[in-house]
Protein backbone atom coordinates (compact mmCIF):
# COMPACT_ATOMS: atom_id res chain seq x y z
CA MET A 1 11.18 -14.25 14.79
CA ILE A 2 12.17 -14.32 11.08
CA THR A 3 15.00 -12.13 9.69
CA GLU A 4 15.98 -10.13 6.97
CA LYS A 5 18.85 -12.97 6.15
CA GLU A 6 17.85 -16.47 5.10
CA GLN A 7 17.60 -18.60 8.03
CA THR A 8 19.17 -21.78 8.14
CA PHE A 9 17.30 -25.36 8.53
CA GLU A 10 18.54 -25.50 12.21
CA GLU A 11 17.94 -21.80 13.01
CA LYS A 12 14.28 -22.57 11.74
CA GLN A 13 13.91 -25.68 13.89
CA GLU A 14 15.28 -23.92 16.92
CA ALA A 15 12.89 -20.70 16.31
CA LEU A 16 10.28 -23.52 15.87
CA GLU A 17 10.63 -25.33 19.18
CA LYS A 18 10.93 -21.40 20.90
CA ILE A 19 7.75 -21.03 19.75
CA ALA A 20 6.33 -24.33 20.90
CA ARG A 21 7.69 -23.89 24.60
CA ARG A 22 6.43 -20.22 24.81
CA LEU A 23 2.86 -21.69 23.77
CA GLU A 24 3.07 -24.73 26.23
CA GLU A 25 3.47 -22.42 29.10
CA GLY A 26 0.11 -21.01 28.73
CA ASN A 27 0.45 -17.60 29.63
CA VAL A 28 0.33 -15.95 26.27
CA PRO A 29 -2.29 -13.21 25.62
CA LEU A 30 -4.25 -14.36 22.86
CA GLU A 31 -3.06 -12.27 20.31
CA GLU A 32 0.34 -13.04 20.85
CA MET A 33 -0.55 -16.54 20.74
CA ILE A 34 -2.06 -16.36 17.45
CA ARG A 35 0.76 -14.50 15.84
CA LEU A 36 2.90 -17.20 17.54
CA PHE A 37 1.30 -19.87 16.19
CA GLU A 38 0.94 -18.31 12.91
CA THR A 39 4.89 -18.09 12.41
CA GLY A 40 5.03 -21.69 13.80
CA GLU A 41 3.28 -23.04 11.43
CA ALA A 42 5.12 -21.14 8.67
CA LEU A 43 8.65 -22.49 9.92
CA TYR A 44 7.16 -25.86 10.51
CA ARG A 45 5.90 -25.68 6.47
CA ASP A 46 9.49 -24.16 5.45
CA CYS A 47 11.09 -27.25 7.41
CA LEU A 48 8.80 -29.82 5.78
CA SER A 49 9.67 -28.03 2.28
CA THR A 50 13.36 -28.18 2.98
CA LEU A 51 13.22 -31.84 4.00
CA ASP A 52 11.32 -32.60 0.94
CA ARG A 53 14.46 -31.28 -1.37
CA TYR A 54 16.76 -32.81 0.61
CA GLU A 55 15.27 -35.93 0.60
CA GLN A 56 15.24 -35.70 -3.44
CA ARG A 57 18.60 -35.20 -3.68
CA ILE A 58 19.61 -37.77 -1.65
CA GLU A 59 17.48 -40.02 -3.99
CA ALA A 60 19.12 -38.51 -6.93
CA LEU A 61 22.49 -39.11 -5.64
CA SER A 62 21.43 -42.92 -4.66
CA LYS A 63 20.47 -43.23 -7.98
CA GLU A 64 23.32 -41.80 -9.36
CA SER A 65 25.73 -43.82 -7.35
CA GLU A 66 24.25 -47.33 -8.17
CA GLN A 67 24.77 -46.58 -12.25
């Protein structure tokens, strides 16, 4: 799932959605299910971290524009 090049937020989000759909199908072998879950969890945490950084940037820009 994760490539050598850095994925964009949108690519990570799309990969996470694909993992969720695959897991929802229900016919995934246990080992693959665990691997998909771990990959999905890492993507989820990374997306949250990215959103937090963007939120901080937006707040900083808003404060600058108010001054």
